[in-house]
Amino acid sequence: MAHSLSAKKRVRQNATRQVRNRIIKSRIRTARRAFAKAVEAKNLEAAQAGLRTCQKLLQRAAVNGPVHRGQAARTIGRMQTCLNALEKAGPTP
């Protein structure tokens, strides 16, 4: 249990940041699932929109701290690879 004022403040700050980080990571996971669903359905427009959304969320999270910038870059790169493969496959009959 924290006894000093600064330690008590640190506990409060950590609790606030934990909630904020959980919200940010949840939004990223939701966007990644939407992107994956669009790629699986071979919906190019939805996949492109999903990539833009997820990329924006990941880059913002990497700057603010909940996600490491290397992890964000790696995830965006993998998603871009999936989108490129979908574009290369062309429209489905």
Protein backbone atom coordinates (compact mmCIF):
# COMPACT_ATOMS: atom_id res chain seq x y z
CA MET A 1 0.00 0.00 0.00
CA ALA A 2 1.29 3.42 -0.94
CA HIS A 3 2.03 5.72 1.98
CA SER A 4 3.61 8.87 0.58
CA LEU A 5 1.62 11.45 -1.35
CA SER A 6 3.67 10.93 -4.48
CA ALA A 7 3.17 7.16 -4.34
CA LYS A 8 -0.60 7.62 -3.91
CA LYS A 9 -0.66 9.96 -6.88
CA ARG A 10 1.31 7.43 -8.93
CA VAL A 11 -1.29 4.76 -8.10
CA ARG A 12 -4.07 7.06 -9.32
CA GLN A 13 -2.18 7.88 -12.52
CA ASN A 14 -1.50 4.21 -13.22
CA ALA A 15 -5.18 3.35 -12.81
CA THR A 16 -6.21 6.11 -15.22
CA ARG A 17 -3.62 5.09 -17.80
CA GLN A 18 -4.59 1.42 -17.50
CA VAL A 19 -8.18 2.24 -18.41
CA ARG A 20 -7.11 4.47 -21.29
CA ASN A 21 -4.67 1.88 -22.67
CA ARG A 22 -7.31 -0.85 -22.45
CA ILE A 23 -9.75 1.27 -24.48
CA ILE A 24 -7.13 2.06 -27.12
CA LYS A 25 -6.07 -1.58 -27.48
CA SER A 26 -9.69 -2.70 -27.69
CA ARG A 27 -10.35 -0.27 -30.56
CA ILE A 28 -7.28 -1.58 -32.37
CA ARG A 29 -8.38 -5.21 -31.97
CA THR A 30 -11.87 -4.35 -33.24
CA ALA A 31 -10.43 -2.57 -36.29
CA ARG A 32 -8.10 -5.51 -37.01
CA ARG A 33 -11.01 -7.95 -36.85
CA ALA A 34 -13.05 -5.77 -39.24
CA PHE A 35 -10.09 -5.67 -41.64
CA ALA A 36 -9.62 -9.44 -41.44
CA LYS A 37 -13.31 -10.02 -42.09
CA ALA A 38 -13.19 -7.75 -45.16
CA VAL A 39 -10.12 -9.55 -46.52
CA GLU A 40 -11.74 -12.92 -45.91
CA ALA A 41 -14.85 -11.76 -47.79
CA LYS A 42 -12.57 -10.38 -50.54
CA ASN A 43 -14.18 -6.95 -50.18
CA LEU A 44 -11.46 -4.60 -51.45
CA GLU A 45 -13.14 -1.30 -50.56
CA ALA A 46 -13.93 -2.37 -47.01
CA ALA A 47 -10.42 -3.78 -46.59
CA GLN A 48 -8.85 -0.50 -47.73
CA ALA A 49 -11.04 1.49 -45.36
CA GLY A 50 -10.25 -0.95 -42.56
CA LEU A 51 -6.53 -0.64 -43.18
CA ARG A 52 -6.70 3.16 -43.05
CA THR A 53 -8.64 3.04 -39.79
CA CYS A 54 -6.37 0.49 -38.18
CA GLN A 55 -3.24 2.25 -39.38
CA LYS A 56 -4.41 5.52 -37.86
CA LEU A 57 -5.22 3.87 -34.53
CA LEU A 58 -1.94 1.94 -34.42
CA GLN A 59 0.23 4.93 -35.24
CA ARG A 60 -1.49 7.06 -32.63
CA ALA A 61 -1.12 4.29 -30.04
CA ALA A 62 2.57 3.91 -30.91
CA VAL A 63 3.19 7.61 -30.33
CA ASN A 64 1.29 7.71 -27.04
CA GLY A 65 2.71 4.51 -25.62
CA PRO A 66 0.18 1.66 -25.28
CA VAL A 67 1.70 -0.10 -28.31
CA HIS A 68 5.40 -0.30 -29.16
CA ARG A 69 6.25 1.47 -32.41
CA GLY A 70 7.92 -1.66 -33.79
CA GLN A 71 4.82 -3.72 -33.10
CA ALA A 72 2.65 -1.09 -34.77
CA ALA A 73 4.89 -0.99 -37.85
CA ARG A 74 4.98 -4.78 -38.06
CA THR A 75 1.19 -5.06 -37.80
CA ILE A 76 0.62 -2.37 -40.42
CA GLY A 77 3.11 -4.07 -42.73
CA ARG A 78 1.39 -7.42 -42.42
CA MET A 79 -2.00 -5.87 -43.05
CA GLN A 80 -0.64 -4.04 -46.09
CA THR A 81 0.74 -7.34 -47.42
CA CYS A 82 -2.71 -8.93 -47.11
CA LEU A 83 -4.30 -5.97 -48.89
CA ASN A 84 -1.71 -6.10 -51.69
CA ALA A 85 -2.41 -9.81 -52.20
CA LEU A 86 -6.13 -9.06 -52.34
CA GLU A 87 -5.58 -6.30 -54.91
CA LYS A 88 -3.32 -8.54 -56.97
CA ALA A 89 -5.90 -11.34 -56.98
CA GLY A 90 -8.31 -8.98 -58.70
CA PRO A 91 -12.08 -8.97 -58.55
CA THR A 92 -13.81 -12.24 -57.82
CA PRO A 93 -16.35 -13.51 -60.37
